[in-house]
Amino acid sequence: MATHVEFAEDTSIIIIDENQLLGIENETLQTLVQNSIKQGSKNILVDLSKVKFISSWGIEGFLHAHKTCMNNNVNFSLKNVNVTPLNVLSKLKLTDIFNIV
């Protein structure tokens, strides 16, 4: 998965530079989340501004990252979610679980 992480104070912004999330990148996402927590981040934002499609496996990666954050008292948010992925998250009622900014 093409990504990069930006740090600002106690916040990590994971920017995904892919237009599709198919689930094969879940391990990379989990590693980025865990590394951000180890570095002291209290907020993790995943920027999805370039993502136009997300599969159910891709969503599973976000659920796992969200759980990891909750277990470590870290806020987890999805940022700049495009219309199609947002519609999928809404239909699955995941907008009630994820903080979307």
PDB file of N, CA and C in Angstrom:
ATOM      1  N   MET A   1       0.862  -1.171   0.000  1.00  0.00           N
ATOM      2  CA  MET A   1       0.000   0.000   0.000  1.00  0.00           C
ATOM      3  C   MET A   1       0.900   1.223   0.000  1.00  0.00           C
ATOM      4  N   ALA A   2       0.609   2.142  -0.873  1.00  0.00           N
ATOM      5  CA  ALA A   2       1.344   3.403  -0.915  1.00  0.00           C
ATOM      6  C   ALA A   2       0.760   4.344   0.129  1.00  0.00           C
ATOM      7  N   THR A   3       1.564   4.631   1.140  1.00  0.00           N
ATOM      8  CA  THR A   3       1.122   5.507   2.218  1.00  0.00           C
ATOM      9  C   THR A   3       2.289   6.347   2.684  1.00  0.00           C
ATOM     10  N   HIS A   4       1.963   7.353   3.426  1.00  0.00           N
ATOM     11  CA  HIS A   4       2.968   8.055   4.214  1.00  0.00           C
ATOM     12  C   HIS A   4       2.280   8.615   5.447  1.00  0.00           C
ATOM     13  N   VAL A   5       3.085   8.873   6.459  1.00  0.00           N
ATOM     14  CA  VAL A   5       2.556   9.325   7.739  1.00  0.00           C
ATOM     15  C   VAL A   5       3.131  10.698   8.042  1.00  0.00           C
ATOM     16  N   GLU A   6       2.251  11.588   8.474  1.00  0.00           N
ATOM     17  CA  GLU A   6       2.665  12.906   8.931  1.00  0.00           C
ATOM     18  C   GLU A   6       2.360  12.990  10.417  1.00  0.00           C
ATOM     19  N   PHE A   7       3.257  13.615  11.163  1.00  0.00           N
ATOM     20  CA  PHE A   7       3.087  13.757  12.608  1.00  0.00           C
ATOM     21  C   PHE A   7       2.922  15.224  12.952  1.00  0.00           C
ATOM     22  N   ALA A   8       1.987  15.506  13.850  1.00  0.00           N
ATOM     23  CA  ALA A   8       1.778  16.862  14.361  1.00  0.00           C
ATOM     24  C   ALA A   8       1.403  16.735  15.833  1.00  0.00           C
ATOM     25  N   GLU A   9       2.312  17.137  16.693  1.00  0.00           N
ATOM     26  CA  GLU A   9       2.119  17.037  18.146  1.00  0.00           C
ATOM     27  C   GLU A   9       1.782  15.604  18.526  1.00  0.00           C
ATOM     28  N   ASP A  10       0.585  15.355  19.025  1.00  0.00           N
ATOM     29  CA  ASP A  10       0.213  14.003  19.454  1.00  0.00           C
ATOM     30  C   ASP A  10      -0.700  13.307  18.450  1.00  0.00           C
ATOM     31  N   THR A  11      -0.625  13.726  17.181  1.00  0.00           N
ATOM     32  CA  THR A  11      -1.500  13.183  16.139  1.00  0.00           C
ATOM     33  C   THR A  11      -0.678  12.608  14.984  1.00  0.00           C
ATOM     34  N   SER A  12      -1.070  11.433  14.538  1.00  0.00           N
ATOM     35  CA  SER A  12      -0.498  10.825  13.339  1.00  0.00           C
ATOM     36  C   SER A  12      -1.561  10.847  12.257  1.00  0.00           C
ATOM     37  N   ILE A  13      -1.172  11.321  11.090  1.00  0.00           N
ATOM     38  CA  ILE A  13      -2.081  11.308   9.937  1.00  0.00           C
ATOM     39  C   ILE A  13      -1.521  10.311   8.943  1.00  0.00           C
ATOM     40  N   ILE A  14      -2.245   9.216   8.752  1.00  0.00           N
ATOM     41  CA  ILE A  14      -1.854   8.187   7.793  1.00  0.00           C
ATOM     42  C   ILE A  14      -2.555   8.520   6.485  1.00  0.00           C
ATOM     43  N   ILE A  15      -1.768   8.878   5.487  1.00  0.00           N
ATOM     44  CA  ILE A  15      -2.325   9.273   4.195  1.00  0.00           C
ATOM     45  C   ILE A  15      -2.184   8.097   3.232  1.00  0.00           C
ATOM     46  N   ILE A  16      -3.312   7.636   2.737  1.00  0.00           N
ATOM     47  CA  ILE A  16      -3.325   6.505   1.807  1.00  0.00           C
ATOM     48  C   ILE A  16      -3.321   7.047   0.388  1.00  0.00           C
ATOM     49  N   ASP A  17      -2.284   6.689  -0.354  1.00  0.00           N
ATOM     50  CA  ASP A  17      -2.102   7.184  -1.716  1.00  0.00           C
ATOM     51  C   ASP A  17      -2.545   6.163  -2.756  1.00  0.00           C
ATOM     52  N   GLU A  18      -3.628   5.490  -2.496  1.00  0.00           N
ATOM     53  CA  GLU A  18      -4.194   4.491  -3.414  1.00  0.00           C
ATOM     54  C   GLU A  18      -5.633   4.891  -3.726  1.00  0.00           C
ATOM     55  N   ASN A  19      -6.149   4.470  -4.894  1.00  0.00           N
ATOM     56  CA  ASN A  19      -7.549   4.774  -5.172  1.00  0.00           C
ATOM     57  C   ASN A  19      -8.470   3.608  -4.816  1.00  0.00           C
ATOM     58  N   GLN A  20      -7.884   2.443  -4.468  1.00  0.00           N
ATOM     59  CA  GLN A  20      -8.677   1.288  -4.064  1.00  0.00           C
ATOM     60  C   GLN A  20      -8.051   0.642  -2.833  1.00  0.00           C
ATOM     61  N   LEU A  21      -8.887   0.227  -1.906  1.00  0.00           N
ATOM     62  CA  LEU A  21      -8.435  -0.568  -0.763  1.00  0.00           C
ATOM     63  C   LEU A  21      -9.121  -1.918  -0.851  1.00  0.00           C
ATOM     64  N   LEU A  22      -8.331  -2.939  -1.111  1.00  0.00           N
ATOM     65  CA  LEU A  22      -8.884  -4.263  -1.333  1.00  0.00           C
ATOM     66  C   LEU A  22      -8.662  -5.215  -0.169  1.00  0.00           C
ATOM     67  N   GLY A  23      -7.931  -4.785   0.843  1.00  0.00           N
ATOM     68  CA  GLY A  23      -7.702  -5.620   2.005  1.00  0.00           C
ATOM     69  C   GLY A  23      -6.294  -6.167   2.092  1.00  0.00           C
ATOM     70  N   ILE A  24      -5.585  -6.234   0.971  1.00  0.00           N
ATOM     71  CA  ILE A  24      -4.221  -6.762   1.011  1.00  0.00           C
ATOM     72  C   ILE A  24      -3.280  -5.821   1.758  1.00  0.00           C
ATOM     73  N   GLU A  25      -3.732  -4.600   1.971  1.00  0.00           N
ATOM     74  CA  GLU A  25      -2.914  -3.599   2.652  1.00  0.00           C
ATOM     75  C   GLU A  25      -3.201  -3.521   4.155  1.00  0.00           C
ATOM     76  N   ASN A  26      -4.036  -4.402   4.673  1.00  0.00           N
ATOM     77  CA  ASN A  26      -4.434  -4.335   6.084  1.00  0.00           C
ATOM     78  C   ASN A  26      -3.256  -4.484   7.044  1.00  0.00           C
ATOM     79  N   GLU A  27      -2.319  -5.356   6.719  1.00  0.00           N
ATOM     80  CA  GLU A  27      -1.162  -5.546   7.596  1.00  0.00           C
ATOM     81  C   GLU A  27      -0.324  -4.269   7.668  1.00  0.00           C
ATOM     82  N   THR A  28      -0.167  -3.599   6.541  1.00  0.00           N
ATOM     83  CA  THR A  28       0.575  -2.339   6.522  1.00  0.00           C
ATOM     84  C   THR A  28      -0.126  -1.292   7.378  1.00  0.00           C
ATOM     85  N   LEU A  29      -1.441  -1.188   7.252  1.00  0.00           N
ATOM     86  CA  LEU A  29      -2.204  -0.230   8.051  1.00  0.00           C
ATOM     87  C   LEU A  29      -2.033  -0.527   9.535  1.00  0.00           C
ATOM     88  N   GLN A  30      -2.139  -1.787   9.912  1.00  0.00           N
ATOM     89  CA  GLN A  30      -2.005  -2.154  11.315  1.00  0.00           C
ATOM     90  C   GLN A  30      -0.609  -1.802  11.840  1.00  0.00           C
ATOM     91  N   THR A  31       0.410  -2.039  11.038  1.00  0.00           N
ATOM     92  CA  THR A  31       1.782  -1.692  11.444  1.00  0.00           C
ATOM     93  C   THR A  31       1.924  -0.194  11.632  1.00  0.00           C
ATOM     94  N   LEU A  32       1.352   0.598  10.725  1.00  0.00           N
ATOM     95  CA  LEU A  32       1.421   2.054  10.848  1.00  0.00           C
ATOM     96  C   LEU A  32       0.706   2.544  12.105  1.00  0.00           C
ATOM     97  N   VAL A  33      -0.435   1.943  12.405  1.00  0.00           N
ATOM     98  CA  VAL A  33      -1.191   2.316  13.610  1.00  0.00           C
ATOM     99  C   VAL A  33      -0.379   1.956  14.856  1.00  0.00           C
ATOM    100  N   GLN A  34       0.149   0.755  14.904  1.00  0.00           N
ATOM    101  CA  GLN A  34       0.918   0.323  16.068  1.00  0.00           C
ATOM    102  C   GLN A  34       2.164   1.191  16.260  1.00  0.00           C
ATOM    103  N   ASN A  35       2.856   1.512  15.176  1.00  0.00           N
ATOM    104  CA  ASN A  35       4.046   2.363  15.272  1.00  0.00           C
ATOM    105  C   ASN A  35       3.680   3.766  15.752  1.00  0.00           C
ATOM    106  N   SER A  36       2.558   4.286  15.291  1.00  0.00           N
ATOM    107  CA  SER A  36       2.108   5.611  15.716  1.00  0.00           C
ATOM    108  C   SER A  36       1.804   5.629  17.211  1.00  0.00           C
ATOM    109  N   ILE A  37       1.178   4.561  17.695  1.00  0.00           N
ATOM    110  CA  ILE A  37       0.869   4.456  19.126  1.00  0.00           C
ATOM    111  C   ILE A  37       2.167   4.388  19.933  1.00  0.00           C
ATOM    112  N   LYS A  38       3.120   3.594  19.458  1.00  0.00           N
ATOM    113  CA  LYS A  38       4.404   3.471  20.147  1.00  0.00           C
ATOM    114  C   LYS A  38       5.142   4.808  20.217  1.00  0.00           C
ATOM    115  N   GLN A  39       4.925   5.652  19.202  1.00  0.00           N
ATOM    116  CA  GLN A  39       5.588   6.958  19.172  1.00  0.00           C
ATOM    117  C   GLN A  39       4.836   8.010  19.982  1.00  0.00           C
ATOM    118  N   GLY A  40       3.749   7.610  20.630  1.00  0.00           N
ATOM    119  CA  GLY A  40       3.046   8.502  21.533  1.00  0.00           C
ATOM    120  C   GLY A  40       1.843   9.221  20.970  1.00  0.00           C
ATOM    121  N   SER A  41       1.399   8.848  19.790  1.00  0.00           N
ATOM    122  CA  SER A  41       0.214   9.494  19.221  1.00  0.00           C
ATOM    123  C   SER A  41      -1.015   9.168  20.043  1.00  0.00           C
ATOM    124  N   LYS A  42      -1.820  10.174  20.297  1.00  0.00           N
ATOM    125  CA  LYS A  42      -3.088  10.006  21.004  1.00  0.00           C
ATOM    126  C   LYS A  42      -4.273  10.120  20.047  1.00  0.00           C
ATOM    127  N   ASN A  43      -3.988  10.528  18.814  1.00  0.00           N
ATOM    128  CA  ASN A  43      -5.002  10.652  17.764  1.00  0.00           C
ATOM    129  C   ASN A  43      -4.408  10.092  16.481  1.00  0.00           C
ATOM    130  N   ILE A  44      -5.166   9.246  15.826  1.00  0.00           N
ATOM    131  CA  ILE A  44      -4.744   8.723  14.531  1.00  0.00           C
ATOM    132  C   ILE A  44      -5.846   9.025  13.529  1.00  0.00           C
ATOM    133  N   LEU A  45      -5.466   9.749  12.489  1.00  0.00           N
ATOM    134  CA  LEU A  45      -6.381  10.084  11.400  1.00  0.00           C
ATOM    135  C   LEU A  45      -5.933   9.328  10.162  1.00  0.00           C
ATOM    136  N   VAL A  46      -6.855   8.688   9.482  1.00  0.00           N
ATOM    137  CA  VAL A  46      -6.541   8.031   8.217  1.00  0.00           C
ATOM    138  C   VAL A  46      -7.184   8.862   7.117  1.00  0.00           C
ATOM    139  N   ASP A  47      -6.337   9.466   6.287  1.00  0.00           N
ATOM    140  CA  ASP A  47      -6.807  10.335   5.206  1.00  0.00           C
ATOM    141  C   ASP A  47      -7.125   9.485   3.990  1.00  0.00           C
ATOM    142  N   LEU A  48      -8.401   9.487   3.600  1.00  0.00           N
ATOM    143  CA  LEU A  48      -8.885   8.672   2.477  1.00  0.00           C
ATOM    144  C   LEU A  48      -9.238   9.521   1.265  1.00  0.00           C
ATOM    145  N   SER A  49      -8.670  10.709   1.153  1.00  0.00           N
ATOM    146  CA  SER A  49      -9.060  11.617   0.077  1.00  0.00           C
ATOM    147  C   SER A  49      -8.810  11.046  -1.320  1.00  0.00           C
ATOM    148  N   LYS A  50      -7.871  10.120  -1.462  1.00  0.00           N
ATOM    149  CA  LYS A  50      -7.581   9.527  -2.783  1.00  0.00           C
ATOM    150  C   LYS A  50      -8.311   8.212  -3.016  1.00  0.00           C
ATOM    151  N   VAL A  51      -8.934   7.673  -1.985  1.00  0.00           N
ATOM    152  CA  VAL A  51      -9.587   6.362  -2.078  1.00  0.00           C
ATOM    153  C   VAL A  51     -10.991   6.518  -2.666  1.00  0.00           C
ATOM    154  N   LYS A  52     -11.221   5.828  -3.771  1.00  0.00           N
ATOM    155  CA  LYS A  52     -12.530   5.871  -4.439  1.00  0.00           C
ATOM    156  C   LYS A  52     -13.337   4.590  -4.243  1.00  0.00           C
ATOM    157  N   PHE A  53     -12.658   3.504  -3.847  1.00  0.00           N
ATOM    158  CA  PHE A  53     -13.324   2.209  -3.669  1.00  0.00           C
ATOM    159  C   PHE A  53     -12.700   1.508  -2.478  1.00  0.00           C
ATOM    160  N   ILE A  54     -13.543   0.863  -1.684  1.00  0.00           N
ATOM    161  CA  ILE A  54     -13.068   0.072  -0.561  1.00  0.00           C
ATOM    162  C   ILE A  54     -13.855  -1.230  -0.505  1.00  0.00           C
ATOM    163  N   SER A  55     -13.129  -2.337  -0.414  1.00  0.00           N
ATOM    164  CA  SER A  55     -13.787  -3.645  -0.327  1.00  0.00           C
ATOM    165  C   SER A  55     -14.114  -3.967   1.123  1.00  0.00           C
ATOM    166  N   SER A  56     -14.839  -5.057   1.314  1.00  0.00           N
ATOM    167  CA  SER A  56     -15.169  -5.481   2.679  1.00  0.00           C
ATOM    168  C   SER A  56     -13.906  -5.821   3.455  1.00  0.00           C
ATOM    169  N   TRP A  57     -12.900  -6.342   2.790  1.00  0.00           N
ATOM    170  CA  TRP A  57     -11.630  -6.647   3.469  1.00  0.00           C
ATOM    171  C   TRP A  57     -10.921  -5.360   3.864  1.00  0.00           C
ATOM    172  N   GLY A  58     -11.037  -4.344   3.034  1.00  0.00           N
ATOM    173  CA  GLY A  58     -10.464  -3.040   3.378  1.00  0.00           C
ATOM    174  C   GLY A  58     -11.134  -2.469   4.613  1.00  0.00           C
ATOM    175  N   ILE A  59     -12.441  -2.621   4.690  1.00  0.00           N
ATOM    176  CA  ILE A  59     -13.192  -2.160   5.864  1.00  0.00           C
ATOM    177  C   ILE A  59     -12.747  -2.934   7.101  1.00  0.00           C
ATOM    178  N   GLU A  60     -12.500  -4.218   6.941  1.00  0.00           N
ATOM    179  CA  GLU A  60     -12.024  -5.035   8.061  1.00  0.00           C
ATOM    180  C   GLU A  60     -10.718  -4.471   8.633  1.00  0.00           C
ATOM    181  N   GLY A  61      -9.856  -3.960   7.765  1.00  0.00           N
ATOM    182  CA  GLY A  61      -8.615  -3.351   8.220  1.00  0.00           C
ATOM    183  C   GLY A  61      -8.864  -2.140   9.100  1.00  0.00           C
ATOM    184  N   PHE A  62      -9.853  -1.327   8.738  1.00  0.00           N
ATOM    185  CA  PHE A  62     -10.202  -0.162   9.555  1.00  0.00           C
ATOM    186  C   PHE A  62     -10.796  -0.585  10.896  1.00  0.00           C
ATOM    187  N   LEU A  63     -11.614  -1.637  10.883  1.00  0.00           N
ATOM    188  CA  LEU A  63     -12.184  -2.130  12.138  1.00  0.00           C
ATOM    189  C   LEU A  63     -11.091  -2.626  13.077  1.00  0.00           C
ATOM    190  N   HIS A  64     -10.116  -3.322  12.527  1.00  0.00           N
ATOM    191  CA  HIS A  64      -9.011  -3.823  13.342  1.00  0.00           C
ATOM    192  C   HIS A  64      -8.177  -2.657  13.881  1.00  0.00           C
ATOM    193  N   ALA A  65      -7.902  -1.666  13.046  1.00  0.00           N
ATOM    194  CA  ALA A  65      -7.143  -0.493  13.482  1.00  0.00           C
ATOM    195  C   ALA A  65      -7.907   0.265  14.570  1.00  0.00           C
ATOM    196  N   HIS A  66      -9.216   0.396  14.381  1.00  0.00           N
ATOM    197  CA  HIS A  66     -10.070   1.068  15.368  1.00  0.00           C
ATOM    198  C   HIS A  66      -9.998   0.351  16.716  1.00  0.00           C
ATOM    199  N   LYS A  67     -10.077  -0.974  16.695  1.00  0.00           N
ATOM    200  CA  LYS A  67     -10.020  -1.760  17.935  1.00  0.00           C
ATOM    201  C   LYS A  67      -8.657  -1.596  18.606  1.00  0.00           C
ATOM    202  N   THR A  68      -7.592  -1.625  17.834  1.00  0.00           N
ATOM    203  CA  THR A  68      -6.248  -1.426  18.387  1.00  0.00           C
ATOM    204  C   THR A  68      -6.159  -0.079  19.080  1.00  0.00           C
ATOM    205  N   CYS A  69      -6.696   0.946  18.443  1.00  0.00           N
ATOM    206  CA  CYS A  69      -6.678   2.287  19.039  1.00  0.00           C
ATOM    207  C   CYS A  69      -7.497   2.326  20.324  1.00  0.00           C
ATOM    208  N   MET A  70      -8.687   1.758  20.300  1.00  0.00           N
ATOM    209  CA  MET A  70      -9.539   1.752  21.495  1.00  0.00           C
ATOM    210  C   MET A  70      -8.837   1.063  22.661  1.00  0.00           C
ATOM    211  N   ASN A  71      -8.160  -0.048  22.376  1.00  0.00           N
ATOM    212  CA  ASN A  71      -7.469  -0.799  23.423  1.00  0.00           C
ATOM    213  C   ASN A  71      -6.290  -0.024  24.007  1.00  0.00           C
ATOM    214  N   ASN A  72      -5.834   1.012  23.306  1.00  0.00           N
ATOM    215  CA  ASN A  72      -4.700   1.815  23.752  1.00  0.00           C
ATOM    216  C   ASN A  72      -5.094   3.245  24.098  1.00  0.00           C
ATOM    217  N   ASN A  73      -6.398   3.492  24.259  1.00  0.00           N
ATOM    218  CA  ASN A  73      -6.920   4.836  24.576  1.00  0.00           C
ATOM    219  C   ASN A  73      -6.452   5.897  23.578  1.00  0.00           C
ATOM    220  N   VAL A  74      -6.506   5.547  22.315  1.00  0.00           N
ATOM    221  CA  VAL A  74      -6.127   6.441  21.224  1.00  0.00           C
ATOM    222  C   VAL A  74      -7.362   6.682  20.371  1.00  0.00           C
ATOM    223  N   ASN A  75      -7.581   7.925  19.971  1.00  0.00           N
ATOM    224  CA  ASN A  75      -8.708   8.271  19.091  1.00  0.00           C
ATOM    225  C   ASN A  75      -8.377   7.857  17.664  1.00  0.00           C
ATOM    226  N   PHE A  76      -9.339   7.248  16.978  1.00  0.00           N
ATOM    227  CA  PHE A  76      -9.172   6.805  15.597  1.00  0.00           C
ATOM    228  C   PHE A  76     -10.254   7.469  14.755  1.00  0.00           C
ATOM    229  N   SER A  77      -9.841   8.122  13.666  1.00  0.00           N
ATOM    230  CA  SER A  77     -10.802   8.806  12.790  1.00  0.00           C
ATOM    231  C   SER A  77     -10.454   8.572  11.332  1.00  0.00           C
ATOM    232  N   LEU A  78     -11.481   8.581  10.504  1.00  0.00           N
ATOM    233  CA  LEU A  78     -11.322   8.568   9.057  1.00  0.00           C
ATOM    234  C   LEU A  78     -11.546   9.989   8.572  1.00  0.00           C
ATOM    235  N   LYS A  79     -10.694  10.451   7.683  1.00  0.00           N
ATOM    236  CA  LYS A  79     -10.714  11.839   7.244  1.00  0.00           C
ATOM    237  C   LYS A  79     -10.847  11.897   5.722  1.00  0.00           C
ATOM    238  N   ASN A  80     -11.596  12.876   5.246  1.00  0.00           N
ATOM    239  CA  ASN A  80     -11.745  13.124   3.803  1.00  0.00           C
ATOM    240  C   ASN A  80     -12.241  11.889   3.050  1.00  0.00           C
ATOM    241  N   VAL A  81     -13.309  11.291   3.557  1.00  0.00           N
ATOM    242  CA  VAL A  81     -13.863  10.084   2.940  1.00  0.00           C
ATOM    243  C   VAL A  81     -14.704  10.485   1.729  1.00  0.00           C
ATOM    244  N   ASN A  82     -14.378   9.917   0.571  1.00  0.00           N
ATOM    245  CA  ASN A  82     -15.129  10.201  -0.655  1.00  0.00           C
ATOM    246  C   ASN A  82     -16.521   9.583  -0.609  1.00  0.00           C
ATOM    247  N   VAL A  83     -17.366  10.009  -1.531  1.00  0.00           N
ATOM    248  CA  VAL A  83     -18.781   9.647  -1.529  1.00  0.00           C
ATOM    249  C   VAL A  83     -19.016   8.137  -1.583  1.00  0.00           C
ATOM    250  N   THR A  84     -18.387   7.440  -2.497  1.00  0.00           N
ATOM    251  CA  THR A  84     -18.652   6.005  -2.644  1.00  0.00           C
ATOM    252  C   THR A  84     -18.245   5.217  -1.404  1.00  0.00           C
ATOM    253  N   PRO A  85     -17.022   5.393  -0.876  1.00  0.00           N
ATOM    254  CA  PRO A  85     -16.700   4.682   0.366  1.00  0.00           C
ATOM    255  C   PRO A  85     -17.597   5.104   1.536  1.00  0.00           C
ATOM    256  N   LEU A  86     -17.965   6.370   1.595  1.00  0.00           N
ATOM    257  CA  LEU A  86     -18.839   6.839   2.669  1.00  0.00           C
ATOM    258  C   LEU A  86     -20.210   6.173   2.579  1.00  0.00           C
ATOM    259  N   ASN A  87     -20.725   6.013   1.377  1.00  0.00           N
ATOM    260  CA  ASN A  87     -22.014   5.327   1.202  1.00  0.00           C
ATOM    261  C   ASN A  87     -21.947   3.885   1.683  1.00  0.00           C
ATOM    262  N   VAL A  88     -20.842   3.211   1.396  1.00  0.00           N
ATOM    263  CA  VAL A  88     -20.671   1.827   1.852  1.00  0.00           C
ATOM    264  C   VAL A  88     -20.634   1.791   3.369  1.00  0.00           C
ATOM    265  N   LEU A  89     -19.847   2.670   3.979  1.00  0.00           N
ATOM    266  CA  LEU A  89     -19.771   2.713   5.440  1.00  0.00           C
ATOM    267  C   LEU A  89     -21.130   3.022   6.063  1.00  0.00           C
ATOM    268  N   SER A  90     -21.887   3.905   5.421  1.00  0.00           N
ATOM    269  CA  SER A  90     -23.219   4.264   5.928  1.00  0.00           C
ATOM    270  C   SER A  90     -24.181   3.084   5.848  1.00  0.00           C
ATOM    271  N   LYS A  91     -24.174   2.389   4.723  1.00  0.00           N
ATOM    272  CA  LYS A  91     -25.079   1.245   4.555  1.00  0.00           C
ATOM    273  C   LYS A  91     -24.794   0.145   5.565  1.00  0.00           C
ATOM    274  N   LEU A  92     -23.536   0.024   5.956  1.00  0.00           N
ATOM    275  CA  LEU A  92     -23.150  -0.993   6.934  1.00  0.00           C
ATOM    276  C   LEU A  92     -23.259  -0.491   8.373  1.00  0.00           C
ATOM    277  N   LYS A  93     -23.771   0.738   8.512  1.00  0.00           N
ATOM    278  CA  LYS A  93     -23.931   1.373   9.832  1.00  0.00           C
ATOM    279  C   LYS A  93     -22.592   1.581  10.549  1.00  0.00           C
ATOM    280  N   LEU A  94     -21.509   1.657   9.799  1.00  0.00           N
ATOM    281  CA  LEU A  94     -20.193   1.855  10.390  1.00  0.00           C
ATOM    282  C   LEU A  94     -19.890   3.323  10.665  1.00  0.00           C
ATOM    283  N   THR A  95     -20.724   4.201  10.150  1.00  0.00           N
ATOM    284  CA  THR A  95     -20.559   5.621  10.480  1.00  0.00           C
ATOM    285  C   THR A  95     -20.900   5.873  11.951  1.00  0.00           C
ATOM    286  N   ASP A  96     -21.584   4.910  12.574  1.00  0.00           N
ATOM    287  CA  ASP A  96     -21.863   5.001  14.008  1.00  0.00           C
ATOM    288  C   ASP A  96     -20.654   4.561  14.834  1.00  0.00           C
ATOM    289  N   ILE A  97     -19.753   3.801  14.230  1.00  0.00           N
ATOM    290  CA  ILE A  97     -18.567   3.302  14.929  1.00  0.00           C
ATOM    291  C   ILE A  97     -17.371   4.206  14.688  1.00  0.00           C
ATOM    292  N   PHE A  98     -17.134   4.552  13.421  1.00  0.00           N
ATOM    293  CA  PHE A  98     -15.975   5.372  13.078  1.00  0.00           C
ATOM    294  C   PHE A  98     -16.292   6.846  13.251  1.00  0.00           C
ATOM    295  N   ASN A  99     -15.334   7.576  13.776  1.00  0.00           N
ATOM    296  CA  ASN A  99     -15.418   9.030  13.788  1.00  0.00           C
ATOM    297  C   ASN A  99     -14.969   9.483  12.398  1.00  0.00           C
ATOM    298  N   ILE A 100     -15.842  10.145  11.660  1.00  0.00           N
ATOM    299  CA  ILE A 100     -15.514  10.595  10.305  1.00  0.00           C
ATOM    300  C   ILE A 100     -15.464  12.117  10.309  1.00  0.00           C
ATOM    301  N   VAL A 101     -14.291  12.619   9.928  1.00  0.00           N
ATOM    302  CA  VAL A 101     -14.087  14.084   9.917  1.00  0.00           C
ATOM    303  C   VAL A 101     -13.773  14.550   8.511  1.00  0.00           C
TER     304      VAL A 101
END
